[in-house]
All heavy atoms as atom14 arrays in JSON, in Angstrom:
{
  "sequence": "SKRVGNAVVRNKCKRRMRECVRRLIVHHGHDVVFIARE",
  "atom14_mask": [
    [1, 1, 1, 1, 1, 1, 0, 0, 0, 0, 0, 0, 0, 0],
    [1, 1, 1, 1, 1, 1, 1, 1, 1, 0, 0, 0, 0, 0],
    [1, 1, 1, 1, 1, 1, 1, 1, 1, 1, 1, 0, 0, 0],
    [1, 1, 1, 1, 1, 1, 1, 0, 0, 0, 0, 0, 0, 0],
    [1, 1, 1, 1, 0, 0, 0, 0, 0, 0, 0, 0, 0, 0],
    [1, 1, 1, 1, 1, 1, 1, 1, 0, 0, 0, 0, 0, 0],
    [1, 1, 1, 1, 1, 0, 0, 0, 0, 0, 0, 0, 0, 0],
    [1, 1, 1, 1, 1, 1, 1, 0, 0, 0, 0, 0, 0, 0],
    [1, 1, 1, 1, 1, 1, 1, 0, 0, 0, 0, 0, 0, 0],
    [1, 1, 1, 1, 1, 1, 1, 1, 1, 1, 1, 0, 0, 0],
    [1, 1, 1, 1, 1, 1, 1, 1, 0, 0, 0, 0, 0, 0],
    [1, 1, 1, 1, 1, 1, 1, 1, 1, 0, 0, 0, 0, 0],
    [1, 1, 1, 1, 1, 1, 0, 0, 0, 0, 0, 0, 0, 0],
    [1, 1, 1, 1, 1, 1, 1, 1, 1, 0, 0, 0, 0, 0],
    [1, 1, 1, 1, 1, 1, 1, 1, 1, 1, 1, 0, 0, 0],
    [1, 1, 1, 1, 1, 1, 1, 1, 1, 1, 1, 0, 0, 0],
    [1, 1, 1, 1, 1, 1, 1, 1, 0, 0, 0, 0, 0, 0],
    [1, 1, 1, 1, 1, 1, 1, 1, 1, 1, 1, 0, 0, 0],
    [1, 1, 1, 1, 1, 1, 1, 1, 1, 0, 0, 0, 0, 0],
    [1, 1, 1, 1, 1, 1, 0, 0, 0, 0, 0, 0, 0, 0],
    [1, 1, 1, 1, 1, 1, 1, 0, 0, 0, 0, 0, 0, 0],
    [1, 1, 1, 1, 1, 1, 1, 1, 1, 1, 1, 0, 0, 0],
    [1, 1, 1, 1, 1, 1, 1, 1, 1, 1, 1, 0, 0, 0],
    [1, 1, 1, 1, 1, 1, 1, 1, 0, 0, 0, 0, 0, 0],
    [1, 1, 1, 1, 1, 1, 1, 1, 0, 0, 0, 0, 0, 0],
    [1, 1, 1, 1, 1, 1, 1, 0, 0, 0, 0, 0, 0, 0],
    [1, 1, 1, 1, 1, 1, 1, 1, 1, 1, 0, 0, 0, 0],
    [1, 1, 1, 1, 1, 1, 1, 1, 1, 1, 0, 0, 0, 0],
    [1, 1, 1, 1, 0, 0, 0, 0, 0, 0, 0, 0, 0, 0],
    [1, 1, 1, 1, 1, 1, 1, 1, 1, 1, 0, 0, 0, 0],
    [1, 1, 1, 1, 1, 1, 1, 1, 0, 0, 0, 0, 0, 0],
    [1, 1, 1, 1, 1, 1, 1, 0, 0, 0, 0, 0, 0, 0],
    [1, 1, 1, 1, 1, 1, 1, 0, 0, 0, 0, 0, 0, 0],
    [1, 1, 1, 1, 1, 1, 1, 1, 1, 1, 1, 0, 0, 0],
    [1, 1, 1, 1, 1, 1, 1, 1, 0, 0, 0, 0, 0, 0],
    [1, 1, 1, 1, 1, 0, 0, 0, 0, 0, 0, 0, 0, 0],
    [1, 1, 1, 1, 1, 1, 1, 1, 1, 1, 1, 0, 0, 0],
    [1, 1, 1, 1, 1, 1, 1, 1, 1, 0, 0, 0, 0, 0]
  ],
  "atom14_positions": [
    [[-0.81, -88.56, -9.86], [-1.41, -88.93, -8.52], [-2.83, -88.18, -8.36], [-3.28, -87.37, -9.03], [-0.53, -88.57, -7.38], [-0.62, -87.15, -7.24], [0.0, 0.0, 0.0], [0.0, 0.0, 0.0], [0.0, 0.0, 0.0], [0.0, 0.0, 0.0], [0.0, 0.0, 0.0], [0.0, 0.0, 0.0], [0.0, 0.0, 0.0], [0.0, 0.0, 0.0]],
    [[-3.53, -88.65, -7.24], [-4.79, -88.04, -7.09], [-4.76, -86.55, -6.59], [-5.7, -85.95, -6.6], [-5.47, -88.94, -5.93], [-5.94, -90.31, -6.44], [-6.73, -90.98, -5.31], [-7.41, -92.31, -5.83], [-8.04, -92.97, -4.95], [0.0, 0.0, 0.0], [0.0, 0.0, 0.0], [0.0, 0.0, 0.0], [0.0, 0.0, 0.0], [0.0, 0.0, 0.0]],
    [[-3.61, -86.26, -6.18], [-3.45, -84.75, -5.86], [-3.62, -83.8, -7.11], [-4.0, -82.69, -6.68], [-2.04, -84.4, -5.22], [-1.96, -84.98, -3.79], [-0.71, -84.61, -3.24], [0.45, -85.37, -3.85], [1.7, -85.12, -3.63], [2.07, -84.18, -2.82], [2.66, -85.84, -4.31], [0.0, 0.0, 0.0], [0.0, 0.0, 0.0], [0.0, 0.0, 0.0]],
    [[-3.44, -84.39, -8.28], [-3.68, -83.48, -9.43], [-5.07, -83.15, -9.63], [-5.33, -82.07, -10.15], [-3.08, -84.24, -10.54], [-3.25, -83.51, -11.96], [-1.51, -84.5, -10.56], [0.0, 0.0, 0.0], [0.0, 0.0, 0.0], [0.0, 0.0, 0.0], [0.0, 0.0, 0.0], [0.0, 0.0, 0.0], [0.0, 0.0, 0.0], [0.0, 0.0, 0.0]],
    [[-6.0, -84.11, -9.36], [-7.42, -83.92, -9.51], [-8.27, -85.17, -9.6], [-7.81, -86.25, -9.23], [0.0, 0.0, 0.0], [0.0, 0.0, 0.0], [0.0, 0.0, 0.0], [0.0, 0.0, 0.0], [0.0, 0.0, 0.0], [0.0, 0.0, 0.0], [0.0, 0.0, 0.0], [0.0, 0.0, 0.0], [0.0, 0.0, 0.0], [0.0, 0.0, 0.0]],
    [[-9.51, -84.99, -9.97], [-10.32, -86.15, -9.93], [-9.99, -87.05, -11.23], [-9.08, -86.65, -11.98], [-11.79, -85.77, -10.0], [-12.14, -84.92, -11.18], [-11.46, -84.9, -12.15], [-13.3, -84.27, -11.01], [0.0, 0.0, 0.0], [0.0, 0.0, 0.0], [0.0, 0.0, 0.0], [0.0, 0.0, 0.0], [0.0, 0.0, 0.0], [0.0, 0.0, 0.0]],
    [[-10.77, -88.09, -11.42], [-10.35, -88.97, -12.5], [-10.38, -88.41, -13.98], [-9.56, -88.62, -14.78], [-11.39, -90.24, -12.47], [0.0, 0.0, 0.0], [0.0, 0.0, 0.0], [0.0, 0.0, 0.0], [0.0, 0.0, 0.0], [0.0, 0.0, 0.0], [0.0, 0.0, 0.0], [0.0, 0.0, 0.0], [0.0, 0.0, 0.0], [0.0, 0.0, 0.0]],
    [[-11.37, -87.41, -14.08], [-11.38, -86.83, -15.46], [-10.19, -85.97, -15.67], [-9.48, -86.07, -16.82], [-12.67, -85.92, -15.47], [-12.61, -85.1, -16.71], [-14.0, -86.87, -15.3], [0.0, 0.0, 0.0], [0.0, 0.0, 0.0], [0.0, 0.0, 0.0], [0.0, 0.0, 0.0], [0.0, 0.0, 0.0], [0.0, 0.0, 0.0], [0.0, 0.0, 0.0]],
    [[-9.75, -85.14, -14.62], [-8.57, -84.32, -14.88], [-7.31, -85.11, -14.96], [-6.5, -84.93, -15.9], [-8.45, -83.34, -13.63], [-7.16, -82.64, -13.57], [-9.6, -82.49, -13.59], [0.0, 0.0, 0.0], [0.0, 0.0, 0.0], [0.0, 0.0, 0.0], [0.0, 0.0, 0.0], [0.0, 0.0, 0.0], [0.0, 0.0, 0.0], [0.0, 0.0, 0.0]],
    [[-7.22, -86.22, -14.12], [-5.93, -87.26, -14.31], [-5.91, -87.8, -15.6], [-4.85, -87.85, -16.22], [-6.07, -88.2, -13.14], [-5.8, -87.65, -11.76], [-5.46, -88.76, -10.82], [-6.45, -89.84, -10.86], [-7.55, -90.04, -10.24], [-7.91, -88.98, -9.22], [-8.4, -91.05, -10.05], [0.0, 0.0, 0.0], [0.0, 0.0, 0.0], [0.0, 0.0, 0.0]],
    [[-7.01, -88.26, -16.2], [-6.93, -88.99, -17.59], [-6.65, -87.8, -18.53], [-5.93, -88.13, -19.58], [-8.32, -89.57, -17.83], [-8.48, -90.8, -17.06], [-7.54, -91.49, -16.65], [-9.69, -91.14, -16.72], [0.0, 0.0, 0.0], [0.0, 0.0, 0.0], [0.0, 0.0, 0.0], [0.0, 0.0, 0.0], [0.0, 0.0, 0.0], [0.0, 0.0, 0.0]],
    [[-7.23, -86.62, -18.39], [-6.81, -85.58, -19.46], [-5.39, -85.29, -19.49], [-4.75, -85.14, -20.48], [-7.72, -84.31, -19.08], [-7.67, -83.2, -20.15], [-8.55, -82.21, -19.76], [-8.86, -81.34, -20.95], [-9.71, -80.09, -20.61], [0.0, 0.0, 0.0], [0.0, 0.0, 0.0], [0.0, 0.0, 0.0], [0.0, 0.0, 0.0], [0.0, 0.0, 0.0]],
    [[-4.79, -85.2, -18.22], [-3.29, -85.0, -18.15], [-2.53, -86.13, -18.71], [-1.55, -85.85, -19.31], [-2.83, -84.98, -16.59], [-3.43, -83.33, -15.74], [0.0, 0.0, 0.0], [0.0, 0.0, 0.0], [0.0, 0.0, 0.0], [0.0, 0.0, 0.0], [0.0, 0.0, 0.0], [0.0, 0.0, 0.0], [0.0, 0.0, 0.0], [0.0, 0.0, 0.0]],
    [[-2.99, -87.3, -18.42], [-2.26, -88.49, -19.04], [-2.41, -88.59, -20.58], [-1.34, -88.77, -21.2], [-2.85, -89.79, -18.52], [-2.35, -90.12, -17.15], [-2.73, -91.5, -16.74], [-4.13, -91.37, -16.12], [-4.56, -92.7, -15.44], [0.0, 0.0, 0.0], [0.0, 0.0, 0.0], [0.0, 0.0, 0.0], [0.0, 0.0, 0.0], [0.0, 0.0, 0.0]],
    [[-3.57, -88.07, -21.19], [-3.62, -88.08, -22.56], [-2.68, -86.95, -23.21], [-1.97, -87.2, -24.22], [-5.01, -87.65, -22.97], [-5.98, -88.83, -22.96], [-7.25, -88.51, -23.69], [-7.93, -87.36, -23.13], [-8.9, -87.31, -22.13], [-9.16, -88.44, -21.5], [-9.37, -86.1, -21.73], [0.0, 0.0, 0.0], [0.0, 0.0, 0.0], [0.0, 0.0, 0.0]],
    [[-2.54, -85.79, -22.5], [-1.7, -84.76, -22.96], [-0.21, -85.24, -22.76], [0.67, -84.88, -23.65], [-1.85, -83.46, -22.19], [-3.16, -82.83, -22.64], [-3.48, -81.48, -21.91], [-4.58, -80.99, -22.35], [-5.05, -79.69, -21.94], [-4.47, -79.08, -21.01], [-6.13, -79.27, -22.35], [0.0, 0.0, 0.0], [0.0, 0.0, 0.0], [0.0, 0.0, 0.0]],
    [[0.11, -85.92, -21.78], [1.44, -86.42, -21.6], [1.87, -87.4, -22.58], [3.01, -87.36, -23.11], [1.67, -86.88, -20.12], [1.67, -85.74, -18.99], [1.56, -86.43, -17.41], [3.24, -87.11, -17.17], [0.0, 0.0, 0.0], [0.0, 0.0, 0.0], [0.0, 0.0, 0.0], [0.0, 0.0, 0.0], [0.0, 0.0, 0.0], [0.0, 0.0, 0.0]],
    [[0.9, -88.31, -22.82], [1.13, -89.27, -23.94], [1.5, -88.76, -25.31], [2.34, -89.14, -26.07], [-0.01, -90.29, -24.04], [0.1, -91.5, -23.18], [-1.09, -92.42, -23.54], [-1.76, -92.71, -22.22], [-2.88, -92.45, -21.99], [-3.78, -91.84, -22.91], [-3.49, -92.64, -20.77], [0.0, 0.0, 0.0], [0.0, 0.0, 0.0], [0.0, 0.0, 0.0]],
    [[0.68, -87.72, -25.61], [1.01, -86.99, -26.79], [2.43, -86.36, -26.83], [3.11, -86.26, -27.88], [-0.12, -85.92, -27.07], [0.02, -85.15, -28.33], [-0.15, -85.97, -29.57], [-0.6, -87.18, -29.55], [0.51, -85.55, -30.66], [0.0, 0.0, 0.0], [0.0, 0.0, 0.0], [0.0, 0.0, 0.0], [0.0, 0.0, 0.0], [0.0, 0.0, 0.0]],
    [[2.86, -85.75, -25.72], [4.18, -85.25, -25.63], [5.13, -86.15, -25.91], [6.24, -86.06, -26.57], [4.38, -84.55, -24.3], [3.33, -83.14, -24.11], [0.0, 0.0, 0.0], [0.0, 0.0, 0.0], [0.0, 0.0, 0.0], [0.0, 0.0, 0.0], [0.0, 0.0, 0.0], [0.0, 0.0, 0.0], [0.0, 0.0, 0.0], [0.0, 0.0, 0.0]],
    [[4.97, -87.37, -25.23], [5.91, -88.63, -25.45], [6.0, -88.93, -26.84], [7.06, -89.26, -27.5], [5.5, -89.69, -24.49], [6.2, -90.99, -24.91], [5.78, -89.4, -23.0], [0.0, 0.0, 0.0], [0.0, 0.0, 0.0], [0.0, 0.0, 0.0], [0.0, 0.0, 0.0], [0.0, 0.0, 0.0], [0.0, 0.0, 0.0], [0.0, 0.0, 0.0]],
    [[4.89, -89.04, -27.57], [4.81, -89.44, -28.9], [5.58, -88.39, -29.81], [6.28, -88.94, -30.81], [3.37, -89.58, -29.41], [3.04, -90.0, -30.74], [1.79, -90.09, -31.24], [1.2, -88.76, -31.58], [1.52, -88.06, -32.62], [2.16, -88.71, -33.57], [1.03, -86.86, -32.89], [0.0, 0.0, 0.0], [0.0, 0.0, 0.0], [0.0, 0.0, 0.0]],
    [[5.63, -87.16, -29.41], [6.4, -86.24, -30.26], [7.85, -86.18, -29.89], [8.59, -85.41, -30.53], [5.77, -84.77, -30.09], [4.34, -84.77, -30.8], [3.71, -83.46, -30.5], [2.46, -83.45, -31.03], [1.8, -82.31, -31.59], [2.41, -81.18, -31.48], [0.68, -82.39, -32.07], [0.0, 0.0, 0.0], [0.0, 0.0, 0.0], [0.0, 0.0, 0.0]],
    [[8.19, -86.67, -28.76], [9.62, -86.7, -28.32], [10.53, -87.42, -29.12], [10.09, -88.48, -29.78], [9.74, -87.28, -26.91], [9.53, -86.35, -25.67], [9.69, -87.16, -24.43], [10.45, -85.17, -25.63], [0.0, 0.0, 0.0], [0.0, 0.0, 0.0], [0.0, 0.0, 0.0], [0.0, 0.0, 0.0], [0.0, 0.0, 0.0], [0.0, 0.0, 0.0]],
    [[11.81, -87.03, -29.25], [12.82, -87.84, -29.98], [13.86, -88.16, -28.89], [14.52, -87.33, -28.29], [13.48, -86.96, -31.16], [12.44, -86.55, -32.13], [14.67, -87.85, -31.63], [12.9, -85.55, -33.2], [0.0, 0.0, 0.0], [0.0, 0.0, 0.0], [0.0, 0.0, 0.0], [0.0, 0.0, 0.0], [0.0, 0.0, 0.0], [0.0, 0.0, 0.0]],
    [[13.84, -89.48, -28.54], [14.77, -90.04, -27.62], [15.63, -91.04, -28.15], [15.16, -91.89, -28.91], [14.04, -90.59, -26.37], [14.83, -91.11, -25.33], [12.97, -89.46, -25.76], [0.0, 0.0, 0.0], [0.0, 0.0, 0.0], [0.0, 0.0, 0.0], [0.0, 0.0, 0.0], [0.0, 0.0, 0.0], [0.0, 0.0, 0.0], [0.0, 0.0, 0.0]],
    [[16.79, -91.08, -27.77], [17.84, -92.04, -28.26], [17.4, -93.52, -27.63], [16.81, -93.58, -26.62], [19.29, -91.81, -27.83], [19.69, -90.6, -28.58], [19.97, -90.41, -29.89], [19.96, -89.33, -28.0], [20.48, -89.19, -30.2], [20.43, -88.53, -29.09], [0.0, 0.0, 0.0], [0.0, 0.0, 0.0], [0.0, 0.0, 0.0], [0.0, 0.0, 0.0]],
    [[17.83, -94.51, -28.31], [17.48, -95.87, -27.88], [18.14, -96.09, -26.6], [19.24, -95.62, -26.21], [17.92, -96.95, -28.92], [17.03, -96.95, -30.04], [15.64, -97.44, -30.03], [17.18, -96.68, -31.28], [15.15, -97.41, -31.18], [15.97, -96.76, -32.06], [0.0, 0.0, 0.0], [0.0, 0.0, 0.0], [0.0, 0.0, 0.0], [0.0, 0.0, 0.0]],
    [[17.6, -97.06, -25.79], [18.21, -97.59, -24.56], [18.05, -96.67, -23.19], [18.98, -96.83, -22.37], [0.0, 0.0, 0.0], [0.0, 0.0, 0.0], [0.0, 0.0, 0.0], [0.0, 0.0, 0.0], [0.0, 0.0, 0.0], [0.0, 0.0, 0.0], [0.0, 0.0, 0.0], [0.0, 0.0, 0.0], [0.0, 0.0, 0.0], [0.0, 0.0, 0.0]],
    [[16.95, -96.07, -23.18], [16.65, -95.3, -21.92], [15.29, -95.66, -21.35], [14.26, -95.89, -22.24], [16.68, -93.82, -22.17], [18.01, -93.32, -22.43], [18.6, -93.11, -23.73], [18.93, -92.86, -21.65], [19.87, -92.79, -23.74], [20.06, -92.56, -22.4], [0.0, 0.0, 0.0], [0.0, 0.0, 0.0], [0.0, 0.0, 0.0], [0.0, 0.0, 0.0]],
    [[15.09, -95.54, -20.04], [13.67, -95.63, -19.43], [13.49, -94.19, -18.85], [14.34, -93.65, -18.25], [13.69, -96.56, -18.29], [13.72, -98.05, -18.79], [13.36, -98.3, -19.97], [13.96, -98.94, -18.06], [0.0, 0.0, 0.0], [0.0, 0.0, 0.0], [0.0, 0.0, 0.0], [0.0, 0.0, 0.0], [0.0, 0.0, 0.0], [0.0, 0.0, 0.0]],
    [[12.36, -93.69, -19.28], [11.86, -92.33, -18.94], [10.65, -92.38, -18.06], [9.64, -93.1, -18.56], [11.87, -91.41, -20.14], [11.39, -90.02, -19.68], [13.04, -91.43, -20.93], [0.0, 0.0, 0.0], [0.0, 0.0, 0.0], [0.0, 0.0, 0.0], [0.0, 0.0, 0.0], [0.0, 0.0, 0.0], [0.0, 0.0, 0.0], [0.0, 0.0, 0.0]],
    [[10.5, -91.71, -16.86], [9.32, -91.59, -16.16], [8.93, -90.2, -16.04], [9.7, -89.27, -15.63], [9.49, -92.23, -14.76], [8.15, -92.11, -13.9], [9.71, -93.73, -14.95], [0.0, 0.0, 0.0], [0.0, 0.0, 0.0], [0.0, 0.0, 0.0], [0.0, 0.0, 0.0], [0.0, 0.0, 0.0], [0.0, 0.0, 0.0], [0.0, 0.0, 0.0]],
    [[7.71, -89.83, -16.21], [7.25, -88.36, -16.11], [6.23, -88.51, -14.94], [5.21, -89.4, -15.08], [6.48, -87.96, -17.41], [7.37, -87.69, -18.42], [7.5, -88.62, -19.55], [8.19, -86.55, -18.61], [8.28, -88.44, -20.59], [8.96, -86.32, -19.69], [9.09, -87.3, -20.78], [0.0, 0.0, 0.0], [0.0, 0.0, 0.0], [0.0, 0.0, 0.0]],
    [[6.43, -87.65, -14.03], [5.58, -87.51, -12.92], [4.89, -86.12, -12.82], [5.48, -84.98, -12.84], [6.32, -87.62, -11.56], [7.02, -89.07, -11.48], [5.39, -87.5, -10.33], [7.98, -89.2, -10.35], [0.0, 0.0, 0.0], [0.0, 0.0, 0.0], [0.0, 0.0, 0.0], [0.0, 0.0, 0.0], [0.0, 0.0, 0.0], [0.0, 0.0, 0.0]],
    [[3.54, -86.06, -12.95], [2.78, -84.92, -13.04], [2.72, -84.27, -11.54], [2.37, -85.12, -10.61], [1.31, -85.04, -13.51], [0.0, 0.0, 0.0], [0.0, 0.0, 0.0], [0.0, 0.0, 0.0], [0.0, 0.0, 0.0], [0.0, 0.0, 0.0], [0.0, 0.0, 0.0], [0.0, 0.0, 0.0], [0.0, 0.0, 0.0], [0.0, 0.0, 0.0]],
    [[2.71, -83.08, -11.48], [2.59, -82.27, -10.24], [1.28, -81.54, -10.18], [0.68, -81.45, -11.15], [3.71, -81.24, -9.87], [4.99, -81.94, -9.72], [6.07, -80.85, -9.28], [7.21, -81.39, -8.87], [8.4, -80.63, -8.7], [8.29, -79.41, -8.93], [9.52, -81.34, -8.23], [0.0, 0.0, 0.0], [0.0, 0.0, 0.0], [0.0, 0.0, 0.0]],
    [[0.87, -81.01, -9.05], [-0.37, -80.25, -8.95], [-0.17, -79.11, -9.72], [0.86, -78.38, -9.87], [-0.53, -79.77, -7.47], [-0.97, -80.94, -6.67], [-1.21, -80.51, -5.25], [-2.21, -79.79, -5.0], [-0.32, -80.73, -4.35], [0.0, 0.0, 0.0], [0.0, 0.0, 0.0], [0.0, 0.0, 0.0], [0.0, 0.0, 0.0], [0.0, 0.0, 0.0]]
  ]
}
């Protein structure tokens, strides 16, 4: 959300979160939502 920071900061957070998701090992058949906090 915008509470995390400006657009540059939010995009940086999303890039880091995407990399974490890429490294995760999750069993098939789940939906997962990550919500960043301030």
